[in-house]
Amino acid sequence: MGSKGASGLNKVIFGSVAATALEMAKVPVLVIPPELSFRPIKQIVIAIDGKKISKHILFPLQELAIKFKAKVIILNVNSETKKETEQVSNISFEGIETSFREVPMNNNINETINEFIEKGDYDLLCMIRREKSFFQSIFQRSITKAQVFSNQVPLLVLPEE
């Protein structure tokens, strides 16, 4: 999907078609910023939250990385003082060069991810869309949905289910 993006009040009230589609999709969604030209995918960043990730969720990312012979960087934004890296550092992709990076959170998670992407030469950002309970959906904003509005590289969103 392309993401022209809504702005201001329209973004708050209506969201965008791409953001709405990725929230409802049962399959991976690739959201591409408007003025972006195609370039081969050499480095992929997967932003993780420290929660357990099933291997089958990561299968589309693994297939993409194999097809493009891309390196995968596992990025953990550490928003708390506790160590979250034990579980996530066990993520591995067979036959794919993989590295793990942890960065402290600046203002918010999305800004921290965007700063990391801007500093490196990354071609694709991948995030996992987690299901939220009714109350979570009311009181917690979706980090993945917010990323659609600010992303400067293609964004691959993998549904948790």
Protein backbone atom coordinates (compact mmCIF):
# COMPACT_ATOMS: atom_id res chain seq x y z
CA MET A 1 0.00 0.00 0.00
CA GLY A 2 1.07 3.55 -0.53
CA SER A 3 0.86 5.94 2.39
CA LYS A 4 0.01 9.50 1.52
CA GLY A 5 -0.83 10.05 5.16
CA ALA A 6 -3.32 12.24 6.90
CA SER A 7 -2.22 15.21 8.95
CA GLY A 8 -3.42 17.30 11.84
CA LEU A 9 -7.00 16.78 12.97
CA ASN A 10 -7.79 14.42 10.07
CA LYS A 11 -5.07 12.05 11.30
CA VAL A 12 -6.51 12.01 14.80
CA ILE A 13 -10.15 11.58 13.76
CA PHE A 14 -9.97 9.47 10.63
CA GLY A 15 -6.48 7.96 10.47
CA SER A 16 -5.36 6.86 7.04
CA VAL A 17 -6.44 4.06 4.78
CA ALA A 18 -3.05 2.33 5.18
CA ALA A 19 -3.14 2.57 8.98
CA THR A 20 -6.69 1.24 9.10
CA ALA A 21 -5.89 -1.58 6.66
CA LEU A 22 -2.91 -2.77 8.66
CA GLU A 23 -4.98 -2.84 11.85
CA MET A 24 -7.55 -5.11 10.22
CA ALA A 25 -5.28 -7.24 8.03
CA LYS A 26 -4.73 -10.89 8.81
CA VAL A 27 -1.76 -10.97 6.40
CA PRO A 28 1.46 -8.93 6.25
CA VAL A 29 1.05 -5.39 4.91
CA LEU A 30 3.81 -3.42 3.20
CA VAL A 31 3.31 0.35 3.48
CA ILE A 32 5.45 2.52 1.21
CA PRO A 33 5.98 6.27 1.73
CA PRO A 34 4.78 8.42 -1.21
CA GLU A 35 7.95 9.83 -2.77
CA LEU A 36 10.07 6.72 -2.31
CA SER A 37 11.75 5.08 -5.30
CA PHE A 38 12.52 1.38 -5.31
CA ARG A 39 15.94 0.33 -4.18
CA PRO A 40 17.16 -3.18 -3.40
CA ILE A 41 16.65 -4.28 0.18
CA LYS A 42 20.05 -4.81 1.77
CA GLN A 43 19.37 -4.07 5.44
CA ILE A 44 16.14 -4.72 7.31
CA VAL A 45 15.39 -3.44 10.81
CA ILE A 46 12.83 -5.32 12.87
CA ALA A 47 11.68 -3.29 15.86
CA ILE A 48 10.70 -5.52 18.77
CA ASP A 49 9.06 -4.92 22.12
CA GLY A 50 10.65 -7.56 24.31
CA LYS A 51 7.64 -9.88 24.19
CA LYS A 52 7.84 -13.41 22.87
CA ILE A 53 7.64 -13.73 19.08
CA SER A 54 6.60 -16.97 17.40
CA LYS A 55 8.79 -18.14 14.53
CA HIS A 56 5.79 -18.42 12.18
CA ILE A 57 5.09 -14.68 12.59
CA LEU A 58 8.60 -13.90 11.32
CA PHE A 59 8.40 -16.25 8.32
CA PRO A 60 7.45 -13.52 5.75
CA LEU A 61 10.37 -11.38 6.95
CA GLN A 62 12.72 -14.35 6.73
CA GLU A 63 11.59 -15.13 3.17
CA LEU A 64 12.09 -11.49 2.13
CA ALA A 65 15.55 -11.37 3.68
CA ILE A 66 16.56 -14.59 1.92
CA LYS A 67 15.23 -13.39 -1.43
CA PHE A 68 17.17 -10.10 -1.25
CA LYS A 69 20.16 -11.57 0.66
CA ALA A 70 19.55 -8.84 3.24
CA LYS A 71 21.01 -8.43 6.69
CA VAL A 72 18.48 -8.27 9.57
CA ILE A 73 19.03 -5.91 12.50
CA ILE A 74 16.88 -6.69 15.54
CA LEU A 75 16.17 -3.38 17.28
CA ASN A 76 14.96 -3.18 20.86
CA VAL A 77 13.98 0.27 22.12
CA ASN A 78 14.54 0.04 25.85
CA SER A 79 11.82 2.15 27.41
CA GLU A 80 12.27 0.82 30.93
CA THR A 81 15.08 0.30 33.36
CA LYS A 82 14.62 -3.49 33.41
CA LYS A 83 16.55 -5.66 31.00
CA GLU A 84 14.36 -6.94 28.17
CA THR A 85 17.14 -8.32 26.00
CA GLU A 86 17.33 -11.90 27.27
CA GLN A 87 14.27 -13.17 25.43
CA VAL A 88 14.66 -11.11 22.27
CA SER A 89 18.34 -11.82 21.72
CA ASN A 90 17.34 -15.46 21.12
CA ILE A 91 15.59 -14.51 17.86
CA SER A 92 17.49 -15.92 14.93
CA PHE A 93 16.98 -16.38 11.23
CA GLU A 94 18.54 -19.45 9.69
CA GLY A 95 20.95 -18.57 6.90
CA ILE A 96 20.59 -14.80 7.37
CA GLU A 97 23.17 -12.45 8.83
CA THR A 98 21.55 -11.07 11.97
CA SER A 99 22.64 -8.57 14.61
CA PHE A 100 21.00 -7.21 17.75
CA ARG A 101 20.91 -3.55 18.80
CA GLU A 102 19.37 -1.98 21.84
CA VAL A 103 18.88 1.77 22.09
CA PRO A 104 17.49 3.87 24.94
CA MET A 105 14.18 5.59 24.26
CA ASN A 106 14.36 9.34 23.62
CA ASN A 107 11.01 11.17 23.53
CA ASN A 108 8.87 8.24 22.37
CA ILE A 109 9.32 4.88 20.72
CA ASN A 110 8.44 6.04 17.19
CA GLU A 111 10.89 8.96 17.29
CA THR A 112 13.61 6.64 18.61
CA ILE A 113 12.99 4.13 15.79
CA ASN A 114 13.00 6.92 13.18
CA GLU A 115 16.28 8.34 14.53
CA PHE A 116 17.86 4.88 14.37
CA ILE A 117 16.65 4.41 10.77
CA GLU A 118 17.92 7.88 9.74
CA LYS A 119 21.40 7.27 11.18
CA GLY A 120 21.87 4.01 9.30
CA ASP A 121 21.47 2.96 5.71
CA TYR A 122 18.36 0.84 6.22
CA ASP A 123 15.96 -0.13 3.46
CA LEU A 124 12.99 -1.63 5.31
CA LEU A 125 11.45 -1.43 8.77
CA CYS A 126 9.45 -4.35 10.08
CA MET A 127 7.08 -4.25 13.06
CA ILE A 128 4.71 -6.75 14.63
CA ARG A 129 1.13 -5.65 15.15
CA ARG A 130 -0.04 -7.01 18.47
CA GLU A 131 -3.69 -7.57 19.31
CA LYS A 132 -5.01 -5.32 22.07
CA SER A 133 -7.84 -5.79 24.50
CA PHE A 134 -10.78 -3.39 24.40
CA PHE A 135 -9.37 -1.23 27.22
CA GLN A 136 -5.85 -1.28 25.78
CA SER A 137 -7.21 -0.03 22.47
CA ILE A 138 -8.86 2.89 24.27
CA PHE A 139 -5.99 3.92 26.54
CA GLN A 140 -2.86 2.92 24.59
CA ARG A 141 -1.98 4.32 21.22
CA SER A 142 -0.77 1.91 18.57
CA ILE A 143 2.96 2.32 17.99
CA THR A 144 2.68 0.49 14.67
CA LYS A 145 -0.15 2.73 13.45
CA ALA A 146 1.78 5.85 14.53
CA GLN A 147 4.79 4.61 12.55
CA VAL A 148 2.75 4.62 9.32
CA PHE A 149 2.42 8.41 9.59
CA SER A 150 6.12 9.09 10.18
CA ASN A 151 8.03 6.35 8.36
CA GLN A 152 10.66 7.31 5.77
CA VAL A 153 11.36 3.75 4.51
CA PRO A 154 8.94 0.98 3.54
CA LEU A 155 7.22 -0.53 6.59
CA LEU A 156 6.37 -4.23 6.72
CA VAL A 157 3.74 -4.96 9.35
CA LEU A 158 3.34 -8.57 10.45
CA PRO A 159 0.14 -9.50 12.28
CA GLU A 160 0.62 -11.37 15.54
CA GLU A 161 -2.16 -13.88 14.92
